[in-house]
Amino acid sequence: FGESHGEAIGVIIDGCPAGVNVDLDYIQGELDKRKPGQSKITT
């Protein structure tokens, strides 16, 4: 859900089995690879 210039974007995940280790640093690291402003060849 969410739009480019709205307050936020987000996701609901349903059906993920219990017991998966949630490595927040890993998740944030994946987002850092996609985020804008990384270099001179990105937005």
PDB file of all heavy atoms in Angstrom:
ATOM      1  N   PHE A   1       0.845  -1.200   0.000  1.00  0.00           N
ATOM      2  CA  PHE A   1       0.000   0.000   0.000  1.00  0.00           C
ATOM      3  C   PHE A   1       0.877   1.245   0.000  1.00  0.00           C
ATOM      4  O   PHE A   1       2.073   1.194   0.329  1.00  0.00           O
ATOM      5  CB  PHE A   1      -0.941   0.006   1.214  1.00  0.00           C
ATOM      6  CG  PHE A   1      -0.237   0.020   2.543  1.00  0.00           C
ATOM      7  CD1 PHE A   1       0.131   1.208   3.149  1.00  0.00           C
ATOM      8  CD2 PHE A   1       0.049  -1.174   3.203  1.00  0.00           C
ATOM      9  CE1 PHE A   1       0.777   1.225   4.376  1.00  0.00           C
ATOM     10  CE2 PHE A   1       0.697  -1.172   4.429  1.00  0.00           C
ATOM     11  CZ  PHE A   1       1.062   0.030   5.020  1.00  0.00           C
ATOM     12  N   GLY A   2       0.272   2.376  -0.362  1.00  0.00           N
ATOM     13  CA  GLY A   2       0.975   3.651  -0.312  1.00  0.00           C
ATOM     14  C   GLY A   2       1.302   4.213  -1.682  1.00  0.00           C
ATOM     15  O   GLY A   2       1.265   3.510  -2.693  1.00  0.00           O
ATOM     16  N   GLU A   3       1.619   5.513  -1.694  1.00  0.00           N
ATOM     17  CA  GLU A   3       1.937   6.235  -2.917  1.00  0.00           C
ATOM     18  C   GLU A   3       3.281   6.951  -2.782  1.00  0.00           C
ATOM     19  O   GLU A   3       3.784   7.150  -1.675  1.00  0.00           O
ATOM     20  CB  GLU A   3       0.853   7.277  -3.238  1.00  0.00           C
ATOM     21  CG  GLU A   3      -0.510   6.706  -3.514  1.00  0.00           C
ATOM     22  CD  GLU A   3      -1.293   6.418  -2.240  1.00  0.00           C
ATOM     23  OE1 GLU A   3      -1.074   7.127  -1.237  1.00  0.00           O
ATOM     24  OE2 GLU A   3      -2.102   5.465  -2.246  1.00  0.00           O
ATOM     25  N   SER A   4       3.795   7.387  -3.922  1.00  0.00           N
ATOM     26  CA  SER A   4       5.102   8.019  -3.974  1.00  0.00           C
ATOM     27  C   SER A   4       5.205   9.230  -3.059  1.00  0.00           C
ATOM     28  O   SER A   4       6.213   9.436  -2.389  1.00  0.00           O
ATOM     29  CB  SER A   4       5.424   8.432  -5.415  1.00  0.00           C
ATOM     30  OG  SER A   4       6.648   9.119  -5.496  1.00  0.00           O
ATOM     31  N   HIS A   5       4.159  10.063  -3.023  1.00  0.00           N
ATOM     32  CA  HIS A   5       4.210  11.300  -2.248  1.00  0.00           C
ATOM     33  C   HIS A   5       3.219  11.297  -1.088  1.00  0.00           C
ATOM     34  O   HIS A   5       2.881  12.352  -0.543  1.00  0.00           O
ATOM     35  CB  HIS A   5       3.969  12.502  -3.159  1.00  0.00           C
ATOM     36  CG  HIS A   5       5.154  12.813  -4.024  1.00  0.00           C
ATOM     37  ND1 HIS A   5       5.781  14.040  -4.035  1.00  0.00           N
ATOM     38  CD2 HIS A   5       5.859  12.047  -4.896  1.00  0.00           C
ATOM     39  CE1 HIS A   5       6.789  14.023  -4.875  1.00  0.00           C
ATOM     40  NE2 HIS A   5       6.849  12.822  -5.422  1.00  0.00           N
ATOM     41  N   GLY A   6       2.762  10.117  -0.686  1.00  0.00           N
ATOM     42  CA  GLY A   6       1.932  10.003   0.503  1.00  0.00           C
ATOM     43  C   GLY A   6       2.788  10.005   1.760  1.00  0.00           C
ATOM     44  O   GLY A   6       4.007  10.197   1.718  1.00  0.00           O
ATOM     45  N   GLU A   7       2.171   9.751   2.911  1.00  0.00           N
ATOM     46  CA  GLU A   7       2.911   9.771   4.171  1.00  0.00           C
ATOM     47  C   GLU A   7       3.854   8.582   4.305  1.00  0.00           C
ATOM     48  O   GLU A   7       4.926   8.694   4.904  1.00  0.00           O
ATOM     49  CB  GLU A   7       1.932   9.786   5.353  1.00  0.00           C
ATOM     50  CG  GLU A   7       1.161  11.084   5.497  1.00  0.00           C
ATOM     51  CD  GLU A   7       0.379  11.140   6.790  1.00  0.00           C
ATOM     52  OE1 GLU A   7       0.676  10.340   7.708  1.00  0.00           O
ATOM     53  OE2 GLU A   7      -0.532  11.978   6.896  1.00  0.00           O
ATOM     54  N   ALA A   8       3.447   7.442   3.752  1.00  0.00           N
ATOM     55  CA  ALA A   8       4.268   6.235   3.910  1.00  0.00           C
ATOM     56  C   ALA A   8       3.853   5.217   2.871  1.00  0.00           C
ATOM     57  O   ALA A   8       2.808   5.321   2.230  1.00  0.00           O
ATOM     58  CB  ALA A   8       4.107   5.656   5.318  1.00  0.00           C
ATOM     59  N   ILE A   9       4.715   4.223   2.700  1.00  0.00           N
ATOM     60  CA  ILE A   9       4.370   3.024   1.945  1.00  0.00           C
ATOM     61  C   ILE A   9       4.559   1.839   2.886  1.00  0.00           C
ATOM     62  O   ILE A   9       5.212   1.950   3.936  1.00  0.00           O
ATOM     63  CB  ILE A   9       5.258   2.861   0.695  1.00  0.00           C
ATOM     64  CG1 ILE A   9       6.738   2.879   1.084  1.00  0.00           C
ATOM     65  CG2 ILE A   9       4.951   3.933  -0.331  1.00  0.00           C
ATOM     66  CD1 ILE A   9       7.671   2.614  -0.068  1.00  0.00           C
ATOM     67  N   GLY A  10       3.979   0.702   2.521  1.00  0.00           N
ATOM     68  CA  GLY A  10       4.107  -0.436   3.416  1.00  0.00           C
ATOM     69  C   GLY A  10       3.595  -1.716   2.803  1.00  0.00           C
ATOM     70  O   GLY A  10       3.162  -1.752   1.647  1.00  0.00           O
ATOM     71  N   VAL A  11       3.653  -2.783   3.602  1.00  0.00           N
ATOM     72  CA  VAL A  11       3.269  -4.103   3.127  1.00  0.00           C
ATOM     73  C   VAL A  11       2.725  -4.924   4.281  1.00  0.00           C
ATOM     74  O   VAL A  11       3.182  -4.805   5.425  1.00  0.00           O
ATOM     75  CB  VAL A  11       4.472  -4.824   2.471  1.00  0.00           C
ATOM     76  CG1 VAL A  11       5.617  -5.020   3.459  1.00  0.00           C
ATOM     77  CG2 VAL A  11       4.066  -6.146   1.846  1.00  0.00           C
ATOM     78  N   ILE A  12       1.715  -5.730   3.982  1.00  0.00           N
ATOM     79  CA  ILE A  12       1.205  -6.737   4.911  1.00  0.00           C
ATOM     80  C   ILE A  12       1.613  -8.098   4.368  1.00  0.00           C
ATOM     81  O   ILE A  12       1.340  -8.427   3.204  1.00  0.00           O
ATOM     82  CB  ILE A  12      -0.334  -6.687   5.037  1.00  0.00           C
ATOM     83  CG1 ILE A  12      -0.802  -5.277   5.452  1.00  0.00           C
ATOM     84  CG2 ILE A  12      -0.816  -7.743   6.034  1.00  0.00           C
ATOM     85  CD1 ILE A  12      -0.354  -4.850   6.813  1.00  0.00           C
ATOM     86  N   ILE A  13       2.269  -8.908   5.185  1.00  0.00           N
ATOM     87  CA  ILE A  13       2.678 -10.259   4.801  1.00  0.00           C
ATOM     88  C   ILE A  13       1.826 -11.242   5.585  1.00  0.00           C
ATOM     89  O   ILE A  13       1.818 -11.233   6.825  1.00  0.00           O
ATOM     90  CB  ILE A  13       4.166 -10.509   5.115  1.00  0.00           C
ATOM     91  CG1 ILE A  13       5.039  -9.431   4.481  1.00  0.00           C
ATOM     92  CG2 ILE A  13       4.592 -11.899   4.644  1.00  0.00           C
ATOM     93  CD1 ILE A  13       6.459  -9.414   4.998  1.00  0.00           C
ATOM     94  N   ASP A  14       1.100 -12.075   4.879  1.00  0.00           N
ATOM     95  CA  ASP A  14       0.253 -13.083   5.527  1.00  0.00           C
ATOM     96  C   ASP A  14       0.724 -14.460   5.079  1.00  0.00           C
ATOM     97  O   ASP A  14       1.036 -14.672   3.908  1.00  0.00           O
ATOM     98  CB  ASP A  14      -1.211 -12.870   5.133  1.00  0.00           C
ATOM     99  CG  ASP A  14      -2.164 -13.486   6.140  1.00  0.00           C
ATOM    100  OD1 ASP A  14      -1.697 -14.010   7.170  1.00  0.00           O
ATOM    101  OD2 ASP A  14      -3.381 -13.431   5.897  1.00  0.00           O
ATOM    102  N   GLY A  15       0.793 -15.394   6.015  1.00  0.00           N
ATOM    103  CA  GLY A  15       1.165 -16.763   5.671  1.00  0.00           C
ATOM    104  C   GLY A  15       2.614 -17.101   5.919  1.00  0.00           C
ATOM    105  O   GLY A  15       3.055 -18.213   5.605  1.00  0.00           O
ATOM    106  N   CYS A  16       3.387 -16.175   6.481  1.00  0.00           N
ATOM    107  CA  CYS A  16       4.775 -16.506   6.813  1.00  0.00           C
ATOM    108  C   CYS A  16       4.771 -17.441   8.019  1.00  0.00           C
ATOM    109  O   CYS A  16       4.167 -17.128   9.045  1.00  0.00           O
ATOM    110  CB  CYS A  16       5.569 -15.249   7.138  1.00  0.00           C
ATOM    111  SG  CYS A  16       7.304 -15.571   7.546  1.00  0.00           S
ATOM    112  N   PRO A  17       5.419 -18.594   7.924  1.00  0.00           N
ATOM    113  CA  PRO A  17       5.407 -19.535   9.049  1.00  0.00           C
ATOM    114  C   PRO A  17       6.019 -18.928  10.307  1.00  0.00           C
ATOM    115  O   PRO A  17       6.861 -18.028  10.241  1.00  0.00           O
ATOM    116  CB  PRO A  17       6.261 -20.709   8.532  1.00  0.00           C
ATOM    117  CG  PRO A  17       6.270 -20.569   7.054  1.00  0.00           C
ATOM    118  CD  PRO A  17       6.177 -19.108   6.778  1.00  0.00           C
ATOM    119  N   ALA A  18       5.590 -19.414  11.442  1.00  0.00           N
ATOM    120  CA  ALA A  18       6.176 -18.983  12.709  1.00  0.00           C
ATOM    121  C   ALA A  18       7.597 -19.527  12.837  1.00  0.00           C
ATOM    122  O   ALA A  18       7.949 -20.555  12.251  1.00  0.00           O
ATOM    123  CB  ALA A  18       5.320 -19.477  13.875  1.00  0.00           C
ATOM    124  N   GLY A  19       8.419 -18.807  13.611  1.00  0.00           N
ATOM    125  CA  GLY A  19       9.744 -19.303  13.934  1.00  0.00           C
ATOM    126  C   GLY A  19      10.867 -18.820  13.045  1.00  0.00           C
ATOM    127  O   GLY A  19      12.020 -19.210  13.253  1.00  0.00           O
ATOM    128  N   VAL A  20      10.571 -17.969  12.048  1.00  0.00           N
ATOM    129  CA  VAL A  20      11.632 -17.432  11.196  1.00  0.00           C
ATOM    130  C   VAL A  20      12.341 -16.310  11.955  1.00  0.00           C
ATOM    131  O   VAL A  20      11.698 -15.399  12.490  1.00  0.00           O
ATOM    132  CB  VAL A  20      11.076 -16.889   9.865  1.00  0.00           C
ATOM    133  CG1 VAL A  20      12.194 -16.265   9.026  1.00  0.00           C
ATOM    134  CG2 VAL A  20      10.370 -17.992   9.096  1.00  0.00           C
ATOM    135  N   ASN A  21      13.666 -16.375  12.028  1.00  0.00           N
ATOM    136  CA  ASN A  21      14.426 -15.309  12.678  1.00  0.00           C
ATOM    137  C   ASN A  21      14.318 -14.028  11.864  1.00  0.00           C
ATOM    138  O   ASN A  21      14.625 -14.015  10.668  1.00  0.00           O
ATOM    139  CB  ASN A  21      15.894 -15.709  12.817  1.00  0.00           C
ATOM    140  CG  ASN A  21      16.110 -16.769  13.874  1.00  0.00           C
ATOM    141  OD1 ASN A  21      15.503 -16.719  14.947  1.00  0.00           O
ATOM    142  ND2 ASN A  21      16.962 -17.741  13.588  1.00  0.00           N
ATOM    143  N   VAL A  22      13.891 -12.962  12.502  1.00  0.00           N
ATOM    144  CA  VAL A  22      13.712 -11.676  11.817  1.00  0.00           C
ATOM    145  C   VAL A  22      14.966 -10.840  12.041  1.00  0.00           C
ATOM    146  O   VAL A  22      15.129 -10.205  13.087  1.00  0.00           O
ATOM    147  CB  VAL A  22      12.460 -10.941  12.329  1.00  0.00           C
ATOM    148  CG1 VAL A  22      12.285  -9.614  11.581  1.00  0.00           C
ATOM    149  CG2 VAL A  22      11.225 -11.808  12.160  1.00  0.00           C
ATOM    150  N   ASP A  23      15.849 -10.868  11.072  1.00  0.00           N
ATOM    151  CA  ASP A  23      17.095 -10.109  11.134  1.00  0.00           C
ATOM    152  C   ASP A  23      16.821  -8.726  10.565  1.00  0.00           C
ATOM    153  O   ASP A  23      16.876  -8.515   9.352  1.00  0.00           O
ATOM    154  CB  ASP A  23      18.187 -10.832  10.337  1.00  0.00           C
ATOM    155  CG  ASP A  23      19.546 -10.176  10.462  1.00  0.00           C
ATOM    156  OD1 ASP A  23      19.592  -8.983  10.828  1.00  0.00           O
ATOM    157  OD2 ASP A  23      20.556 -10.841  10.162  1.00  0.00           O
ATOM    158  N   LEU A  24      16.526  -7.775  11.444  1.00  0.00           N
ATOM    159  CA  LEU A  24      16.140  -6.441  10.990  1.00  0.00           C
ATOM    160  C   LEU A  24      17.286  -5.743  10.263  1.00  0.00           C
ATOM    161  O   LEU A  24      17.065  -4.985   9.308  1.00  0.00           O
ATOM    162  CB  LEU A  24      15.671  -5.597  12.175  1.00  0.00           C
ATOM    163  CG  LEU A  24      14.991  -4.261  11.833  1.00  0.00           C
ATOM    164  CD1 LEU A  24      13.805  -4.473  10.899  1.00  0.00           C
ATOM    165  CD2 LEU A  24      14.556  -3.553  13.111  1.00  0.00           C
ATOM    166  N   ASP A  25      18.519  -6.007  10.695  1.00  0.00           N
ATOM    167  CA  ASP A  25      19.668  -5.409  10.004  1.00  0.00           C
ATOM    168  C   ASP A  25      19.765  -5.907   8.569  1.00  0.00           C
ATOM    169  O   ASP A  25      20.099  -5.144   7.656  1.00  0.00           O
ATOM    170  CB  ASP A  25      20.965  -5.734  10.757  1.00  0.00           C
ATOM    171  CG  ASP A  25      21.093  -4.975  12.070  1.00  0.00           C
ATOM    172  OD1 ASP A  25      20.416  -3.935  12.219  1.00  0.00           O
ATOM    173  OD2 ASP A  25      21.849  -5.433  12.940  1.00  0.00           O
ATOM    174  N   TYR A  26      19.473  -7.188   8.363  1.00  0.00           N
ATOM    175  CA  TYR A  26      19.496  -7.742   7.009  1.00  0.00           C
ATOM    176  C   TYR A  26      18.390  -7.106   6.156  1.00  0.00           C
ATOM    177  O   TYR A  26      18.637  -6.700   5.012  1.00  0.00           O
ATOM    178  CB  TYR A  26      19.312  -9.259   7.049  1.00  0.00           C
ATOM    179  CG  TYR A  26      19.227  -9.883   5.679  1.00  0.00           C
ATOM    180  CD1 TYR A  26      20.373 -10.120   4.922  1.00  0.00           C
ATOM    181  CD2 TYR A  26      17.994 -10.220   5.117  1.00  0.00           C
ATOM    182  CE1 TYR A  26      20.299 -10.671   3.652  1.00  0.00           C
ATOM    183  CE2 TYR A  26      17.911 -10.774   3.845  1.00  0.00           C
ATOM    184  CZ  TYR A  26      19.069 -11.002   3.125  1.00  0.00           C
ATOM    185  OH  TYR A  26      18.989 -11.542   1.872  1.00  0.00           O
ATOM    186  N   ILE A  27      17.192  -7.005   6.704  1.00  0.00           N
ATOM    187  CA  ILE A  27      16.069  -6.413   5.969  1.00  0.00           C
ATOM    188  C   ILE A  27      16.389  -4.971   5.600  1.00  0.00           C
ATOM    189  O   ILE A  27      16.175  -4.541   4.457  1.00  0.00           O
ATOM    190  CB  ILE A  27      14.774  -6.493   6.803  1.00  0.00           C
ATOM    191  CG1 ILE A  27      14.363  -7.963   7.008  1.00  0.00           C
ATOM    192  CG2 ILE A  27      13.639  -5.722   6.128  1.00  0.00           C
ATOM    193  CD1 ILE A  27      13.220  -8.161   7.982  1.00  0.00           C
ATOM    194  N   GLN A  28      16.933  -4.216   6.564  1.00  0.00           N
ATOM    195  CA  GLN A  28      17.287  -2.825   6.280  1.00  0.00           C
ATOM    196  C   GLN A  28      18.401  -2.748   5.250  1.00  0.00           C
ATOM    197  O   GLN A  28      18.422  -1.848   4.391  1.00  0.00           O
ATOM    198  CB  GLN A  28      17.716  -2.120   7.566  1.00  0.00           C
ATOM    199  CG  GLN A  28      17.909  -0.618   7.405  1.00  0.00           C
ATOM    200  CD  GLN A  28      16.626   0.079   6.973  1.00  0.00           C
ATOM    201  OE1 GLN A  28      15.601  -0.015   7.644  1.00  0.00           O
ATOM    202  NE2 GLN A  28      16.675   0.771   5.831  1.00  0.00           N
ATOM    203  N   GLY A  29      19.341  -3.696   5.299  1.00  0.00           N
ATOM    204  CA  GLY A  29      20.421  -3.726   4.319  1.00  0.00           C
ATOM    205  C   GLY A  29      19.914  -3.928   2.904  1.00  0.00           C
ATOM    206  O   GLY A  29      20.448  -3.329   1.950  1.00  0.00           O
ATOM    207  N   GLU A  30      18.888  -4.758   2.741  1.00  0.00           N
ATOM    208  CA  GLU A  30      18.291  -4.949   1.410  1.00  0.00           C
ATOM    209  C   GLU A  30      17.617  -3.667   0.930  1.00  0.00           C
ATOM    210  O   GLU A  30      17.719  -3.294  -0.243  1.00  0.00           O
ATOM    211  CB  GLU A  30      17.284  -6.102   1.452  1.00  0.00           C
ATOM    212  CG  GLU A  30      17.897  -7.478   1.697  1.00  0.00           C
ATOM    213  CD  GLU A  30      18.887  -7.852   0.607  1.00  0.00           C
ATOM    214  OE1 GLU A  30      18.443  -8.193  -0.501  1.00  0.00           O
ATOM    215  OE2 GLU A  30      20.109  -7.783   0.864  1.00  0.00           O
ATOM    216  N   LEU A  31      16.937  -2.980   1.840  1.00  0.00           N
ATOM    217  CA  LEU A  31      16.296  -1.717   1.476  1.00  0.00           C
ATOM    218  C   LEU A  31      17.334  -0.657   1.115  1.00  0.00           C
ATOM    219  O   LEU A  31      17.114   0.168   0.222  1.00  0.00           O
ATOM    220  CB  LEU A  31      15.427  -1.225   2.639  1.00  0.00           C
ATOM    221  CG  LEU A  31      14.081  -1.926   2.792  1.00  0.00           C
ATOM    222  CD1 LEU A  31      13.482  -1.669   4.159  1.00  0.00           C
ATOM    223  CD2 LEU A  31      13.111  -1.476   1.699  1.00  0.00           C
ATOM    224  N   ASP A  32      18.477  -0.673   1.794  1.00  0.00           N
ATOM    225  CA  ASP A  32      19.525   0.300   1.504  1.00  0.00           C
ATOM    226  C   ASP A  32      20.064   0.148   0.083  1.00  0.00           C
ATOM    227  O   ASP A  32      20.527   1.118  -0.521  1.00  0.00           O
ATOM    228  CB  ASP A  32      20.673   0.161   2.505  1.00  0.00           C
ATOM    229  CG  ASP A  32      20.294   0.641   3.903  1.00  0.00           C
ATOM    230  OD1 ASP A  32      19.242   1.302   4.041  1.00  0.00           O
ATOM    231  OD2 ASP A  32      21.036   0.333   4.856  1.00  0.00           O
ATOM    232  N   LYS A  33      20.003  -1.083  -0.455  1.00  0.00           N
ATOM    233  CA  LYS A  33      20.477  -1.310  -1.820  1.00  0.00           C
ATOM    234  C   LYS A  33      19.503  -0.740  -2.861  1.00  0.00           C
ATOM    235  O   LYS A  33      19.881  -0.485  -3.997  1.00  0.00           O
ATOM    236  CB  LYS A  33      20.672  -2.804  -2.075  1.00  0.00           C
ATOM    237  CG  LYS A  33      21.773  -3.436  -1.226  1.00  0.00           C
ATOM    238  CD  LYS A  33      21.752  -4.947  -1.342  1.00  0.00           C
ATOM    239  CE  LYS A  33      22.745  -5.583  -0.377  1.00  0.00           C
ATOM    240  NZ  LYS A  33      22.616  -7.053  -0.327  1.00  0.00           N
ATOM    241  N   ARG A  34      18.257  -0.566  -2.465  1.00  0.00           N
ATOM    242  CA  ARG A  34      17.239  -0.056  -3.382  1.00  0.00           C
ATOM    243  C   ARG A  34      16.991   1.442  -3.225  1.00  0.00           C
ATOM    244  O   ARG A  34      16.515   2.116  -4.158  1.00  0.00           O
ATOM    245  CB  ARG A  34      15.914  -0.804  -3.145  1.00  0.00           C
ATOM    246  CG  ARG A  34      14.854  -0.609  -4.241  1.00  0.00           C
ATOM    247  CD  ARG A  34      13.475  -0.390  -3.647  1.00  0.00           C
ATOM    248  NE  ARG A  34      13.389   0.902  -2.997  1.00  0.00           N
ATOM    249  CZ  ARG A  34      12.898   2.002  -3.572  1.00  0.00           C
ATOM    250  NH1 ARG A  34      12.424   1.972  -4.806  1.00  0.00           N
ATOM    251  NH2 ARG A  34      12.865   3.159  -2.912  1.00  0.00           N
ATOM    252  N   LYS A  35      17.332   1.996  -2.075  1.00  0.00           N
ATOM    253  CA  LYS A  35      16.924   3.367  -1.772  1.00  0.00           C
ATOM    254  C   LYS A  35      17.546   4.370  -2.745  1.00  0.00           C
ATOM    255  O   LYS A  35      18.622   4.127  -3.308  1.00  0.00           O
ATOM    256  CB  LYS A  35      17.295   3.721  -0.331  1.00  0.00           C
ATOM    257  CG  LYS A  35      18.771   3.902  -0.060  1.00  0.00           C
ATOM    258  CD  LYS A  35      18.989   4.268   1.402  1.00  0.00           C
ATOM    259  CE  LYS A  35      20.469   4.500   1.697  1.00  0.00           C
ATOM    260  NZ  LYS A  35      20.698   4.836   3.115  1.00  0.00           N
ATOM    261  N   PRO A  36      16.900   5.516  -2.920  1.00  0.00           N
ATOM    262  CA  PRO A  36      17.431   6.545  -3.818  1.00  0.00           C
ATOM    263  C   PRO A  36      18.628   7.258  -3.199  1.00  0.00           C
ATOM    264  O   PRO A  36      18.940   7.093  -2.019  1.00  0.00           O
ATOM    265  CB  PRO A  36      16.244   7.490  -3.989  1.00  0.00           C
ATOM    266  CG  PRO A  36      15.440   7.313  -2.736  1.00  0.00           C
ATOM    267  CD  PRO A  36      15.604   5.875  -2.347  1.00  0.00           C
ATOM    268  N   GLY A  37      19.303   8.060  -4.027  1.00  0.00           N
ATOM    269  CA  GLY A  37      20.387   8.884  -3.552  1.00  0.00           C
ATOM    270  C   GLY A  37      21.681   8.156  -3.262  1.00  0.00           C
ATOM    271  O   GLY A  37      22.532   8.644  -2.520  1.00  0.00           O
ATOM    272  N   GLN A  38      21.879   6.975  -3.870  1.00  0.00           N
ATOM    273  CA  GLN A  38      23.060   6.172  -3.560  1.00  0.00           C
ATOM    274  C   GLN A  38      24.326   6.687  -4.236  1.00  0.00           C
ATOM    275  O   GLN A  38      25.418   6.564  -3.686  1.00  0.00           O
ATOM    276  CB  GLN A  38      22.840   4.721  -3.997  1.00  0.00           C
ATOM    277  CG  GLN A  38      21.738   4.008  -3.272  1.00  0.00           C
ATOM    278  CD  GLN A  38      21.586   2.592  -3.793  1.00  0.00           C
ATOM    279  OE1 GLN A  38      22.566   1.926  -4.121  1.00  0.00           O
ATOM    280  NE2 GLN A  38      20.360   2.117  -3.885  1.00  0.00           N
ATOM    281  N   SER A  39      24.196   7.216  -5.442  1.00  0.00           N
ATOM    282  CA  SER A  39      25.379   7.576  -6.216  1.00  0.00           C
ATOM    283  C   SER A  39      25.001   8.570  -7.303  1.00  0.00           C
ATOM    284  O   SER A  39      23.823   8.940  -7.456  1.00  0.00           O
ATOM    285  CB  SER A  39      25.992   6.321  -6.861  1.00  0.00           C
ATOM    286  OG  SER A  39      25.151   5.840  -7.900  1.00  0.00           O
ATOM    287  N   LYS A  40      25.991   8.958  -8.090  1.00  0.00           N
ATOM    288  CA  LYS A  40      25.762   9.920  -9.158  1.00  0.00           C
ATOM    289  C   LYS A  40      24.917   9.352 -10.286  1.00  0.00           C
ATOM    290  O   LYS A  40      24.397  10.111 -11.113  1.00  0.00           O
ATOM    291  CB  LYS A  40      27.097  10.411  -9.717  1.00  0.00           C
ATOM    292  CG  LYS A  40      27.929   9.328 -10.409  1.00  0.00           C
ATOM    293  CD  LYS A  40      29.253   9.879 -10.903  1.00  0.00           C
ATOM    294  CE  LYS A  40      30.096   8.790 -11.579  1.00  0.00           C
ATOM    295  NZ  LYS A  40      31.396   9.319 -12.051  1.00  0.00           N
ATOM    296  N   ILE A  41      24.749   8.032 -10.346  1.00  0.00           N
ATOM    297  CA  ILE A  41      23.971   7.440 -11.445  1.00  0.00           C
ATOM    298  C   ILE A  41      22.586   6.996 -10.986  1.00  0.00           C
ATOM    299  O   ILE A  41      21.922   6.189 -11.630  1.00  0.00           O
ATOM    300  CB  ILE A  41      24.717   6.260 -12.109  1.00  0.00           C
ATOM    301  CG1 ILE A  41      25.003   5.130 -11.110  1.00  0.00           C
ATOM    302  CG2 ILE A  41      25.993   6.739 -12.773  1.00  0.00           C
ATOM    303  CD1 ILE A  41      25.508   3.858 -11.757  1.00  0.00           C
ATOM    304  N   THR A  42      22.134   7.514  -9.821  1.00  0.00           N
ATOM    305  CA  THR A  42      20.775   7.244  -9.358  1.00  0.00           C
ATOM    306  C   THR A  42      20.085   8.565  -9.042  1.00  0.00           C
ATOM    307  O   THR A  42      20.719   9.614  -8.943  1.00  0.00           O
ATOM    308  CB  THR A  42      20.753   6.347  -8.108  1.00  0.00           C
ATOM    309  OG1 THR A  42      21.387   7.040  -7.016  1.00  0.00           O
ATOM    310  CG2 THR A  42      21.464   5.034  -8.353  1.00  0.00           C
ATOM    311  N   THR A  43      18.763   8.514  -8.853  1.00  0.00           N
ATOM    312  CA  THR A  43      18.014   9.703  -8.470  1.00  0.00           C
ATOM    313  C   THR A  43      18.579  10.274  -7.178  1.00  0.00           C
ATOM    314  O   THR A  43      19.027   9.537  -6.299  1.00  0.00           O
ATOM    315  CB  THR A  43      16.525   9.385  -8.277  1.00  0.00           C
ATOM    316  OG1 THR A  43      15.870  10.541  -7.705  1.00  0.00           O
ATOM    317  CG2 THR A  43      16.300   8.233  -7.323  1.00  0.00           C
TER     318      THR A  43
END
